[in-house]
């Protein structure tokens, strides 16, 4: 049985500049002030990286950027969220959206990559890739290339509703009109390759 951990406090801050409106989350009131600072710093750094990525793609004039976020999990000492930035500049045919997932331990402030969720040597990449390719076939998702889709150690993901959700950037595996292809995988199906004291186990455990 896992001990009950209350959700963390999150409020919305807004950064504005010419052609830029970014709404982003900030956590506050954590017992561990260093963890709180680490989480908020990681969020800011990720937003800055997303802006740099968009500037490389949207090379037109008068760029307009809007940033939003969604909290996907805020329980059991886990905070998982998605940041989304949309930029349009003239005379581009369409805007460009960048979406990134961030997942933290609210006790330590550690930011988790996909590889951190699994035991070393567990073969998690093959397990996840097999499930992603199964869903692609089952859901008839069109691919840019007719080939097997892989999963990398730093693959984009978030945690939500007792699921690990793997997703890919625009143009990575599918045409633009598909948007961001997302593949939810039940955490219960992954416990055999996850550490006993890891995030997936904490998310799946009964709480007292």
N, C-alpha and C. Protein backbone atom coordinates (compact mmCIF):
# COMPACT_ATOMS: atom_id res chain seq x y z
N UNK A 1 0.83 -1.20 0.00
CA UNK A 1 0.00 0.00 0.00
C UNK A 1 0.87 1.26 0.00
N UNK A 2 0.58 2.19 -0.87
CA UNK A 2 1.29 3.46 -0.91
C UNK A 2 0.60 4.45 0.01
N UNK A 3 1.40 5.31 0.63
CA UNK A 3 0.83 6.34 1.50
C UNK A 3 0.24 7.47 0.66
N UNK A 4 -0.86 8.04 1.17
CA UNK A 4 -1.50 9.14 0.45
C UNK A 4 -0.60 10.36 0.43
N UNK A 5 -0.40 10.91 -0.74
CA UNK A 5 0.36 12.15 -0.91
C UNK A 5 -0.57 13.16 -1.58
N UNK A 6 -0.82 14.30 -0.94
CA UNK A 6 -1.76 15.26 -1.52
C UNK A 6 -1.22 15.89 -2.80
N UNK A 7 -2.09 16.38 -3.66
CA UNK A 7 -1.63 17.09 -4.86
C UNK A 7 -0.83 18.32 -4.48
N UNK A 8 0.06 18.73 -5.37
CA UNK A 8 0.81 19.96 -5.13
C UNK A 8 -0.02 21.14 -5.62
N UNK A 9 0.28 22.30 -5.05
CA UNK A 9 -0.39 23.53 -5.48
C UNK A 9 0.24 24.01 -6.78
N UNK A 10 -0.61 24.35 -7.73
CA UNK A 10 -0.15 24.84 -9.03
C UNK A 10 -0.96 26.08 -9.39
N UNK A 11 -0.27 27.16 -9.72
CA UNK A 11 -1.00 28.30 -10.27
C UNK A 11 -0.41 28.68 -11.62
N UNK A 12 -1.17 29.48 -12.34
CA UNK A 12 -0.79 29.85 -13.71
C UNK A 12 -0.14 31.23 -13.72
N UNK A 13 1.02 31.29 -14.33
CA UNK A 13 1.69 32.57 -14.57
C UNK A 13 1.63 32.85 -16.07
N UNK A 14 1.72 34.11 -16.43
CA UNK A 14 1.68 34.50 -17.84
C UNK A 14 2.85 35.40 -18.16
N UNK A 15 3.58 35.01 -19.19
CA UNK A 15 4.68 35.84 -19.68
C UNK A 15 4.24 36.45 -21.01
N UNK A 16 4.31 37.77 -21.10
CA UNK A 16 3.92 38.46 -22.33
C UNK A 16 5.07 39.30 -22.84
N UNK A 17 5.15 39.37 -24.15
CA UNK A 17 6.13 40.20 -24.86
C UNK A 17 5.52 40.44 -26.24
N UNK A 18 6.08 41.33 -27.05
CA UNK A 18 5.53 41.53 -28.39
C UNK A 18 5.44 40.21 -29.16
N UNK A 19 4.23 39.86 -29.58
CA UNK A 19 4.02 38.64 -30.34
C UNK A 19 4.09 37.37 -29.51
N UNK A 20 4.01 37.50 -28.19
CA UNK A 20 4.23 36.33 -27.33
C UNK A 20 3.32 36.38 -26.11
N UNK A 21 2.54 35.30 -25.91
CA UNK A 21 1.76 35.13 -24.68
C UNK A 21 1.92 33.68 -24.24
N UNK A 22 2.62 33.48 -23.15
CA UNK A 22 2.88 32.12 -22.66
C UNK A 22 2.24 31.96 -21.29
N UNK A 23 1.26 31.06 -21.19
CA UNK A 23 0.68 30.68 -19.91
C UNK A 23 1.41 29.41 -19.44
N UNK A 24 1.94 29.43 -18.24
CA UNK A 24 2.72 28.28 -17.79
C UNK A 24 2.48 28.03 -16.30
N UNK A 25 2.72 26.80 -15.85
CA UNK A 25 2.45 26.46 -14.45
C UNK A 25 3.64 26.77 -13.54
N UNK A 26 3.33 27.09 -12.30
CA UNK A 26 4.34 27.22 -11.27
C UNK A 26 3.81 26.52 -10.02
N UNK A 27 4.64 25.63 -9.46
CA UNK A 27 4.24 24.94 -8.23
C UNK A 27 4.66 25.79 -7.03
N UNK A 28 3.93 25.66 -5.92
CA UNK A 28 4.28 26.43 -4.73
C UNK A 28 3.81 25.66 -3.48
N UNK A 29 4.42 26.01 -2.37
CA UNK A 29 4.00 25.42 -1.10
C UNK A 29 4.54 24.03 -0.82
N UNK A 30 5.51 23.56 -1.61
CA UNK A 30 6.07 22.24 -1.35
C UNK A 30 6.89 22.26 -0.06
N UNK A 31 6.88 21.14 0.66
CA UNK A 31 7.66 21.04 1.88
C UNK A 31 9.16 21.14 1.59
N UNK A 32 9.58 20.62 0.45
CA UNK A 32 10.97 20.67 0.03
C UNK A 32 11.15 21.85 -0.93
N UNK A 33 11.72 22.94 -0.42
CA UNK A 33 11.84 24.15 -1.24
C UNK A 33 12.80 23.93 -2.41
N UNK A 34 13.80 23.08 -2.23
CA UNK A 34 14.74 22.79 -3.32
C UNK A 34 14.03 22.04 -4.45
N UNK A 35 13.14 21.11 -4.09
CA UNK A 35 12.37 20.39 -5.09
C UNK A 35 11.45 21.35 -5.84
N UNK A 36 10.82 22.25 -5.11
CA UNK A 36 9.94 23.25 -5.73
C UNK A 36 10.71 24.09 -6.74
N UNK A 37 11.88 24.56 -6.35
CA UNK A 37 12.69 25.39 -7.24
C UNK A 37 13.14 24.61 -8.47
N UNK A 38 13.50 23.33 -8.27
CA UNK A 38 13.97 22.51 -9.39
C UNK A 38 12.85 22.29 -10.41
N UNK A 39 11.64 22.04 -9.93
CA UNK A 39 10.51 21.82 -10.83
C UNK A 39 10.22 23.09 -11.64
N UNK A 40 10.14 24.21 -10.96
CA UNK A 40 9.82 25.47 -11.65
C UNK A 40 10.92 25.87 -12.63
N UNK A 41 12.16 25.60 -12.26
CA UNK A 41 13.27 25.92 -13.16
C UNK A 41 13.22 25.04 -14.42
N UNK A 42 12.91 23.75 -14.24
CA UNK A 42 12.83 22.83 -15.37
C UNK A 42 11.72 23.24 -16.34
N UNK A 43 10.61 23.73 -15.80
CA UNK A 43 9.50 24.17 -16.65
C UNK A 43 9.94 25.37 -17.51
N UNK A 44 10.59 26.34 -16.89
CA UNK A 44 11.05 27.53 -17.62
C UNK A 44 12.06 27.15 -18.70
N UNK A 45 13.01 26.30 -18.36
CA UNK A 45 14.03 25.89 -19.33
C UNK A 45 13.40 25.16 -20.51
N UNK A 46 12.37 24.33 -20.24
CA UNK A 46 11.71 23.62 -21.33
C UNK A 46 10.98 24.58 -22.25
N UNK A 47 10.31 25.56 -21.69
CA UNK A 47 9.60 26.56 -22.51
C UNK A 47 10.59 27.32 -23.38
N UNK A 48 11.73 27.70 -22.83
CA UNK A 48 12.74 28.42 -23.61
C UNK A 48 13.28 27.56 -24.75
N UNK A 49 13.48 26.27 -24.49
CA UNK A 49 13.94 25.37 -25.54
C UNK A 49 12.89 25.23 -26.64
N UNK A 50 11.61 25.16 -26.26
CA UNK A 50 10.53 25.06 -27.24
C UNK A 50 10.49 26.31 -28.12
N UNK A 51 10.70 27.48 -27.53
CA UNK A 51 10.70 28.71 -28.32
C UNK A 51 11.84 28.72 -29.33
N UNK A 52 13.01 28.25 -28.91
CA UNK A 52 14.14 28.19 -29.84
C UNK A 52 13.84 27.24 -31.00
N UNK A 53 13.19 26.12 -30.69
CA UNK A 53 12.84 25.15 -31.73
C UNK A 53 11.88 25.76 -32.73
N UNK A 54 10.90 26.51 -32.25
CA UNK A 54 9.92 27.11 -33.14
C UNK A 54 10.54 28.21 -34.01
N UNK A 55 11.47 28.95 -33.45
CA UNK A 55 12.12 30.01 -34.22
C UNK A 55 12.89 29.44 -35.41
N UNK A 56 13.37 28.21 -35.27
CA UNK A 56 14.10 27.58 -36.38
C UNK A 56 13.16 27.13 -37.49
N UNK A 57 11.89 26.85 -37.14
CA UNK A 57 10.92 26.34 -38.12
C UNK A 57 10.10 27.47 -38.72
N UNK A 58 9.60 28.35 -37.87
CA UNK A 58 8.77 29.47 -38.34
C UNK A 58 9.67 30.65 -38.69
N UNK A 59 10.13 30.67 -39.94
CA UNK A 59 11.13 31.65 -40.37
C UNK A 59 10.52 32.86 -41.06
N UNK A 60 9.19 32.99 -41.00
CA UNK A 60 8.54 34.14 -41.63
C UNK A 60 8.65 35.38 -40.78
N UNK A 61 7.80 36.34 -41.06
CA UNK A 61 7.81 37.62 -40.34
C UNK A 61 6.63 37.70 -39.38
N UNK A 62 6.73 38.62 -38.43
CA UNK A 62 5.67 38.89 -37.46
C UNK A 62 5.19 37.62 -36.75
N UNK A 63 6.08 36.85 -36.15
CA UNK A 63 5.66 35.63 -35.47
C UNK A 63 4.77 35.92 -34.26
N UNK A 64 3.75 35.11 -34.10
CA UNK A 64 2.83 35.21 -32.97
C UNK A 64 2.83 33.86 -32.25
N UNK A 65 3.17 33.87 -30.98
CA UNK A 65 3.28 32.63 -30.22
C UNK A 65 2.34 32.63 -29.03
N UNK A 66 1.63 31.50 -28.87
CA UNK A 66 0.77 31.30 -27.71
C UNK A 66 1.18 30.01 -27.02
N UNK A 67 1.36 30.07 -25.71
CA UNK A 67 1.74 28.89 -24.95
C UNK A 67 0.69 28.53 -23.92
N UNK A 68 0.40 27.25 -23.81
CA UNK A 68 -0.57 26.75 -22.84
C UNK A 68 0.00 25.50 -22.17
N UNK A 69 -0.73 24.98 -21.19
CA UNK A 69 -0.29 23.76 -20.53
C UNK A 69 -1.49 22.97 -20.01
N UNK A 70 -1.26 21.69 -19.76
CA UNK A 70 -2.25 20.81 -19.14
C UNK A 70 -1.58 19.99 -18.05
N UNK A 71 -2.21 19.92 -16.89
CA UNK A 71 -1.74 19.03 -15.83
C UNK A 71 -2.38 17.67 -16.07
N UNK A 72 -1.57 16.65 -16.26
CA UNK A 72 -2.07 15.31 -16.56
C UNK A 72 -2.18 14.43 -15.32
N UNK A 73 -1.21 14.52 -14.42
CA UNK A 73 -1.24 13.79 -13.15
C UNK A 73 -0.72 14.71 -12.06
N UNK A 74 -1.44 14.76 -10.95
CA UNK A 74 -1.01 15.52 -9.78
C UNK A 74 -1.48 14.77 -8.55
N UNK A 75 -0.82 13.66 -8.27
CA UNK A 75 -1.17 12.81 -7.14
C UNK A 75 -0.02 11.85 -6.87
N UNK A 76 -0.03 11.26 -5.67
CA UNK A 76 0.93 10.22 -5.30
C UNK A 76 2.38 10.67 -5.43
N UNK A 77 2.63 11.95 -5.25
CA UNK A 77 3.98 12.46 -5.35
C UNK A 77 4.48 12.58 -6.78
N UNK A 78 3.55 12.55 -7.74
CA UNK A 78 3.90 12.64 -9.16
C UNK A 78 3.20 13.85 -9.76
N UNK A 79 3.96 14.66 -10.46
CA UNK A 79 3.40 15.75 -11.26
C UNK A 79 3.81 15.53 -12.70
N UNK A 80 2.82 15.31 -13.57
CA UNK A 80 3.09 15.11 -14.99
C UNK A 80 2.26 16.11 -15.76
N UNK A 81 2.89 16.84 -16.65
CA UNK A 81 2.21 17.92 -17.37
C UNK A 81 2.69 17.98 -18.82
N UNK A 82 1.92 18.69 -19.62
CA UNK A 82 2.24 18.89 -21.02
C UNK A 82 2.26 20.38 -21.32
N UNK A 83 3.35 20.84 -21.93
CA UNK A 83 3.47 22.22 -22.38
C UNK A 83 3.27 22.26 -23.89
N UNK A 84 2.50 23.23 -24.37
CA UNK A 84 2.26 23.36 -25.81
C UNK A 84 2.46 24.81 -26.23
N UNK A 85 3.29 25.01 -27.23
CA UNK A 85 3.51 26.33 -27.83
C UNK A 85 3.11 26.30 -29.30
N UNK A 86 2.31 27.27 -29.69
CA UNK A 86 1.90 27.39 -31.09
C UNK A 86 2.43 28.72 -31.63
N UNK A 87 3.11 28.66 -32.77
CA UNK A 87 3.64 29.87 -33.41
C UNK A 87 3.20 29.93 -34.86
N UNK A 88 2.73 31.11 -35.28
CA UNK A 88 2.45 31.34 -36.70
C UNK A 88 3.17 32.61 -37.12
N UNK A 89 3.84 32.53 -38.26
CA UNK A 89 4.47 33.72 -38.83
C UNK A 89 4.12 33.82 -40.31
N UNK A 90 4.00 35.03 -40.79
CA UNK A 90 3.64 35.27 -42.19
C UNK A 90 4.86 35.06 -43.09
N UNK A 91 4.71 34.54 -44.29
CA UNK A 91 3.48 34.04 -44.94
C UNK A 91 3.43 32.51 -44.93
N UNK A 92 3.77 31.87 -43.81
CA UNK A 92 3.81 30.41 -43.75
C UNK A 92 2.43 29.82 -44.04
N UNK A 93 2.41 28.62 -44.60
CA UNK A 93 1.14 27.97 -44.94
C UNK A 93 0.32 27.66 -43.70
N UNK A 94 0.99 27.31 -42.62
CA UNK A 94 0.29 27.05 -41.36
C UNK A 94 1.29 27.25 -40.22
N UNK A 95 0.75 27.32 -39.03
CA UNK A 95 1.59 27.49 -37.86
C UNK A 95 2.30 26.19 -37.49
N UNK A 96 3.11 26.29 -36.46
CA UNK A 96 3.86 25.12 -36.00
C UNK A 96 3.69 24.99 -34.49
N UNK A 97 3.35 23.79 -34.07
CA UNK A 97 3.11 23.51 -32.65
C UNK A 97 4.19 22.60 -32.10
N UNK A 98 4.69 22.95 -30.93
CA UNK A 98 5.64 22.11 -30.21
C UNK A 98 5.00 21.69 -28.90
N UNK A 99 4.99 20.41 -28.62
CA UNK A 99 4.43 19.89 -27.37
C UNK A 99 5.46 19.02 -26.67
N UNK A 100 5.64 19.25 -25.39
CA UNK A 100 6.60 18.50 -24.59
C UNK A 100 5.96 18.05 -23.29
N UNK A 101 6.32 16.87 -22.85
CA UNK A 101 5.86 16.37 -21.57
C UNK A 101 6.96 16.48 -20.52
N UNK A 102 6.55 16.83 -19.30
CA UNK A 102 7.47 16.87 -18.16
C UNK A 102 6.84 16.08 -17.02
N UNK A 103 7.64 15.23 -16.39
CA UNK A 103 7.16 14.42 -15.28
C UNK A 103 8.16 14.51 -14.13
N UNK A 104 7.64 14.81 -12.93
CA UNK A 104 8.49 15.06 -11.77
C UNK A 104 8.08 14.22 -10.57
N UNK A 105 9.04 13.98 -9.70
CA UNK A 105 8.77 13.58 -8.32
C UNK A 105 8.62 14.87 -7.52
N UNK A 106 7.47 15.04 -6.86
CA UNK A 106 7.28 16.28 -6.10
C UNK A 106 8.04 16.25 -4.78
N UNK A 107 8.51 15.08 -4.38
CA UNK A 107 9.30 14.98 -3.15
C UNK A 107 10.73 15.45 -3.36
N UNK A 108 11.29 15.13 -4.53
CA UNK A 108 12.70 15.42 -4.78
C UNK A 108 12.92 16.49 -5.85
N UNK A 109 11.92 16.74 -6.69
CA UNK A 109 12.08 17.66 -7.81
C UNK A 109 12.73 17.03 -9.02
N UNK A 110 13.02 15.74 -8.95
CA UNK A 110 13.67 15.05 -10.08
C UNK A 110 12.75 15.05 -11.29
N UNK A 111 13.32 15.37 -12.46
CA UNK A 111 12.61 15.29 -13.72
C UNK A 111 12.94 13.95 -14.37
N UNK A 112 11.92 13.21 -14.78
CA UNK A 112 12.10 11.85 -15.28
C UNK A 112 12.09 11.81 -16.79
N UNK A 113 13.08 11.15 -17.36
CA UNK A 113 13.04 10.77 -18.77
C UNK A 113 12.38 9.40 -18.86
N UNK A 114 12.03 8.98 -20.06
CA UNK A 114 11.35 7.70 -20.22
C UNK A 114 12.19 6.55 -19.66
N UNK A 115 13.49 6.59 -19.90
CA UNK A 115 14.35 5.49 -19.44
C UNK A 115 14.36 5.36 -17.92
N UNK A 116 14.08 6.46 -17.21
CA UNK A 116 14.07 6.41 -15.74
C UNK A 116 12.91 5.60 -15.17
N UNK A 117 11.91 5.34 -15.99
CA UNK A 117 10.71 4.64 -15.51
C UNK A 117 10.88 3.12 -15.49
N UNK A 118 11.97 2.62 -16.04
CA UNK A 118 12.11 1.17 -16.22
C UNK A 118 13.43 0.66 -15.64
N UNK A 119 13.44 -0.63 -15.35
CA UNK A 119 14.65 -1.25 -14.84
C UNK A 119 15.71 -1.34 -15.93
N UNK A 120 16.98 -1.12 -15.59
CA UNK A 120 18.06 -1.30 -16.57
C UNK A 120 18.05 -2.73 -17.11
N UNK A 121 18.23 -2.86 -18.42
CA UNK A 121 18.25 -4.18 -19.02
C UNK A 121 16.89 -4.83 -19.18
N UNK A 122 15.83 -4.06 -18.96
CA UNK A 122 14.47 -4.63 -19.03
C UNK A 122 13.95 -4.77 -20.45
N UNK A 123 14.63 -4.16 -21.42
CA UNK A 123 14.14 -4.23 -22.80
C UNK A 123 12.89 -3.40 -23.01
N UNK A 124 12.74 -2.35 -22.22
CA UNK A 124 11.51 -1.56 -22.27
C UNK A 124 11.28 -0.93 -23.64
N UNK A 125 12.34 -0.54 -24.35
CA UNK A 125 12.15 0.10 -25.65
C UNK A 125 11.45 -0.84 -26.62
N UNK A 126 11.85 -2.09 -26.64
CA UNK A 126 11.22 -3.06 -27.53
C UNK A 126 9.77 -3.31 -27.13
N UNK A 127 9.53 -3.38 -25.81
CA UNK A 127 8.16 -3.61 -25.32
C UNK A 127 7.25 -2.46 -25.74
N UNK A 128 7.71 -1.24 -25.50
CA UNK A 128 6.89 -0.07 -25.85
C UNK A 128 6.72 0.07 -27.36
N UNK A 129 7.78 -0.16 -28.11
CA UNK A 129 7.70 -0.04 -29.57
C UNK A 129 6.72 -1.05 -30.15
N UNK A 130 6.72 -2.27 -29.59
CA UNK A 130 5.79 -3.29 -30.07
C UNK A 130 4.35 -2.85 -29.85
N UNK A 131 4.08 -2.24 -28.70
CA UNK A 131 2.72 -1.79 -28.41
C UNK A 131 2.35 -0.59 -29.28
N UNK A 132 3.28 0.33 -29.49
CA UNK A 132 3.01 1.48 -30.36
C UNK A 132 2.69 1.01 -31.77
N UNK A 133 3.48 0.09 -32.31
CA UNK A 133 3.23 -0.40 -33.66
C UNK A 133 1.93 -1.20 -33.75
N UNK A 134 1.59 -1.89 -32.67
CA UNK A 134 0.30 -2.60 -32.66
C UNK A 134 -0.85 -1.60 -32.75
N UNK A 135 -0.76 -0.50 -31.98
CA UNK A 135 -1.82 0.50 -32.01
C UNK A 135 -1.88 1.22 -33.35
N UNK A 136 -0.73 1.47 -33.95
CA UNK A 136 -0.71 2.10 -35.27
C UNK A 136 -1.50 1.26 -36.27
N UNK A 137 -1.27 -0.04 -36.23
CA UNK A 137 -1.98 -0.95 -37.14
C UNK A 137 -3.46 -1.02 -36.80
N UNK A 138 -3.78 -1.16 -35.52
CA UNK A 138 -5.17 -1.30 -35.08
C UNK A 138 -5.97 -0.04 -35.38
N UNK A 139 -5.36 1.13 -35.21
CA UNK A 139 -6.04 2.41 -35.39
C UNK A 139 -5.87 2.97 -36.80
N UNK A 140 -5.18 2.23 -37.67
CA UNK A 140 -4.96 2.64 -39.06
C UNK A 140 -4.37 4.04 -39.15
N UNK A 141 -3.34 4.29 -38.36
CA UNK A 141 -2.68 5.59 -38.36
C UNK A 141 -1.72 5.67 -39.54
N UNK A 142 -1.86 6.67 -40.39
CA UNK A 142 -0.96 6.77 -41.55
C UNK A 142 0.43 7.21 -41.14
N UNK A 143 1.44 6.58 -41.71
CA UNK A 143 2.83 6.92 -41.41
C UNK A 143 3.48 7.60 -42.61
N UNK A 144 4.49 8.40 -42.33
CA UNK A 144 5.25 9.03 -43.41
C UNK A 144 6.04 7.99 -44.18
N UNK A 145 6.53 6.99 -43.46
CA UNK A 145 7.25 5.89 -44.09
C UNK A 145 6.65 4.59 -43.60
N UNK A 146 6.54 3.66 -44.49
CA UNK A 146 5.93 2.38 -44.15
C UNK A 146 6.95 1.49 -43.45
N UNK A 147 7.24 1.84 -42.20
CA UNK A 147 8.25 1.10 -41.46
C UNK A 147 7.87 1.02 -40.00
N UNK A 148 8.61 0.21 -39.25
CA UNK A 148 8.37 0.07 -37.84
C UNK A 148 8.78 1.36 -37.11
N UNK A 149 7.95 1.79 -36.17
CA UNK A 149 8.22 2.98 -35.37
C UNK A 149 8.99 2.56 -34.13
N UNK A 150 10.02 3.30 -33.78
CA UNK A 150 10.84 2.97 -32.62
C UNK A 150 10.53 3.91 -31.45
N UNK A 151 11.00 3.53 -30.29
CA UNK A 151 10.87 4.33 -29.07
C UNK A 151 12.26 4.57 -28.51
N UNK A 152 12.60 5.83 -28.27
CA UNK A 152 13.93 6.17 -27.79
C UNK A 152 13.93 6.37 -26.27
N UNK A 153 15.11 6.31 -25.63
CA UNK A 153 15.18 6.51 -24.18
C UNK A 153 14.67 7.88 -23.72
N UNK A 154 14.74 8.88 -24.59
CA UNK A 154 14.26 10.22 -24.23
C UNK A 154 12.97 10.57 -24.98
N UNK A 155 12.19 9.54 -25.30
CA UNK A 155 10.92 9.71 -26.01
C UNK A 155 9.98 10.63 -25.23
N UNK A 156 9.21 11.45 -25.93
CA UNK A 156 8.21 12.28 -25.28
C UNK A 156 7.14 11.39 -24.65
N UNK A 157 6.73 11.76 -23.42
CA UNK A 157 5.68 11.00 -22.73
C UNK A 157 5.06 11.86 -21.64
N UNK A 158 3.92 11.39 -21.16
CA UNK A 158 3.36 11.90 -19.90
C UNK A 158 2.60 10.76 -19.24
N UNK A 159 2.24 10.95 -17.98
CA UNK A 159 1.47 9.97 -17.22
C UNK A 159 0.08 10.54 -16.97
N UNK A 160 -0.95 9.74 -17.24
CA UNK A 160 -2.33 10.19 -17.04
C UNK A 160 -3.25 8.99 -16.93
N UNK A 161 -4.17 9.04 -15.96
CA UNK A 161 -5.22 8.02 -15.85
C UNK A 161 -4.64 6.61 -15.81
N UNK A 162 -3.62 6.43 -14.98
CA UNK A 162 -2.98 5.10 -14.82
C UNK A 162 -2.42 4.59 -16.14
N UNK A 163 -2.02 5.50 -17.00
CA UNK A 163 -1.43 5.13 -18.29
C UNK A 163 -0.14 5.92 -18.53
N UNK A 164 0.77 5.27 -19.22
CA UNK A 164 1.92 5.94 -19.80
C UNK A 164 1.55 6.29 -21.23
N UNK A 165 1.61 7.56 -21.58
CA UNK A 165 1.22 8.00 -22.91
C UNK A 165 2.48 8.41 -23.67
N UNK A 166 2.83 7.62 -24.69
CA UNK A 166 3.95 7.92 -25.57
C UNK A 166 3.44 8.79 -26.71
N UNK A 167 4.19 9.86 -27.06
CA UNK A 167 3.76 10.65 -28.21
C UNK A 167 4.97 11.13 -29.00
N UNK A 168 4.68 11.58 -30.22
CA UNK A 168 5.72 11.96 -31.18
C UNK A 168 5.47 13.38 -31.69
N UNK A 169 6.54 14.12 -32.02
CA UNK A 169 6.37 15.48 -32.56
C UNK A 169 5.70 15.47 -33.93
N UNK A 170 5.26 16.65 -34.35
CA UNK A 170 4.74 16.81 -35.70
C UNK A 170 5.81 16.38 -36.71
N UNK A 171 5.37 15.70 -37.74
CA UNK A 171 6.23 15.24 -38.85
C UNK A 171 7.19 14.11 -38.47
N UNK A 172 7.22 13.69 -37.22
CA UNK A 172 8.20 12.67 -36.82
C UNK A 172 7.87 11.32 -37.44
N UNK A 173 6.59 10.92 -37.36
CA UNK A 173 6.21 9.62 -37.92
C UNK A 173 4.95 9.70 -38.78
N UNK A 174 4.20 10.80 -38.66
CA UNK A 174 2.93 10.92 -39.37
C UNK A 174 2.84 12.24 -40.13
N UNK A 175 1.94 12.33 -41.12
CA UNK A 175 1.73 13.60 -41.81
C UNK A 175 1.20 14.68 -40.85
N UNK A 176 1.35 15.93 -41.25
CA UNK A 176 0.97 17.06 -40.39
C UNK A 176 -0.48 16.98 -39.94
N UNK A 177 -1.37 16.56 -40.84
CA UNK A 177 -2.80 16.61 -40.51
C UNK A 177 -3.19 15.65 -39.40
N UNK A 178 -2.34 14.68 -39.11
CA UNK A 178 -2.64 13.72 -38.04
C UNK A 178 -2.48 14.37 -36.67
N UNK A 179 -1.66 15.43 -36.60
CA UNK A 179 -1.39 16.05 -35.31
C UNK A 179 -0.34 15.28 -34.55
N UNK A 180 -0.48 15.24 -33.24
CA UNK A 180 0.48 14.52 -32.40
C UNK A 180 -0.05 13.11 -32.12
N UNK A 181 0.54 12.08 -32.73
CA UNK A 181 0.07 10.73 -32.47
C UNK A 181 0.42 10.31 -31.05
N UNK A 182 -0.60 9.88 -30.30
CA UNK A 182 -0.42 9.53 -28.90
C UNK A 182 -0.85 8.09 -28.66
N UNK A 183 -0.08 7.40 -27.81
CA UNK A 183 -0.28 5.98 -27.61
C UNK A 183 -0.32 5.68 -26.11
N UNK A 184 -1.54 5.55 -25.54
CA UNK A 184 -1.64 5.23 -24.11
C UNK A 184 -1.40 3.75 -23.86
N UNK A 185 -0.63 3.48 -22.82
CA UNK A 185 -0.31 2.10 -22.42
C UNK A 185 -0.56 1.99 -20.93
N UNK A 186 -1.38 1.04 -20.52
CA UNK A 186 -1.72 0.86 -19.11
C UNK A 186 -0.45 0.61 -18.28
N UNK A 187 -0.33 1.31 -17.16
CA UNK A 187 0.84 1.08 -16.31
C UNK A 187 0.84 -0.34 -15.75
N UNK A 188 -0.33 -0.95 -15.62
CA UNK A 188 -0.40 -2.31 -15.08
C UNK A 188 0.28 -3.31 -16.02
N UNK A 189 0.28 -2.99 -17.32
CA UNK A 189 0.94 -3.87 -18.29
C UNK A 189 2.46 -3.71 -18.27
N UNK A 190 2.95 -2.71 -17.54
CA UNK A 190 4.38 -2.40 -17.56
C UNK A 190 5.07 -2.68 -16.22
N UNK A 191 4.32 -3.11 -15.22
CA UNK A 191 4.90 -3.27 -13.89
C UNK A 191 5.99 -4.34 -13.86
N UNK A 192 5.92 -5.30 -14.77
CA UNK A 192 6.93 -6.35 -14.80
C UNK A 192 8.31 -5.86 -15.20
N UNK A 193 8.39 -4.69 -15.83
CA UNK A 193 9.69 -4.16 -16.26
C UNK A 193 10.01 -2.84 -15.57
N UNK A 194 9.18 -2.47 -14.60
CA UNK A 194 9.39 -1.22 -13.85
C UNK A 194 9.95 -1.54 -12.47
N UNK A 195 10.78 -0.66 -11.90
CA UNK A 195 11.28 -0.89 -10.54
C UNK A 195 10.14 -0.84 -9.53
N UNK A 196 10.29 -1.60 -8.44
CA UNK A 196 9.22 -1.69 -7.45
C UNK A 196 8.94 -0.36 -6.78
N UNK A 197 9.94 0.49 -6.65
CA UNK A 197 9.75 1.79 -6.00
C UNK A 197 9.76 2.95 -7.00
N UNK A 198 9.42 2.67 -8.25
CA UNK A 198 9.43 3.68 -9.29
C UNK A 198 8.09 4.38 -9.46
N UNK A 199 8.04 5.34 -10.37
CA UNK A 199 6.81 6.12 -10.58
C UNK A 199 5.65 5.28 -11.06
N UNK A 200 5.92 4.33 -11.97
CA UNK A 200 4.82 3.52 -12.49
C UNK A 200 4.20 2.66 -11.39
N UNK A 201 5.06 2.11 -10.52
CA UNK A 201 4.56 1.31 -9.40
C UNK A 201 3.76 2.19 -8.43
N UNK A 202 4.26 3.41 -8.18
CA UNK A 202 3.54 4.33 -7.29
C UNK A 202 2.18 4.70 -7.87
N UNK A 203 2.13 4.89 -9.18
CA UNK A 203 0.88 5.27 -9.82
C UNK A 203 -0.14 4.14 -9.78
N UNK A 204 0.34 2.90 -9.83
CA UNK A 204 -0.55 1.74 -9.87
C UNK A 204 -0.97 1.26 -8.49
N UNK A 205 -0.21 1.61 -7.45
CA UNK A 205 -0.43 1.05 -6.11
C UNK A 205 -1.73 1.53 -5.49
N UNK A 206 -2.32 0.69 -4.65
CA UNK A 206 -3.46 1.11 -3.83
C UNK A 206 -2.97 2.10 -2.78
N UNK A 207 -3.76 3.07 -2.49
CA UNK A 207 -3.36 4.13 -1.56
C UNK A 207 -4.13 4.00 -0.25
N UNK A 208 -3.40 4.16 0.88
CA UNK A 208 -4.04 4.17 2.18
C UNK A 208 -3.87 5.53 2.82
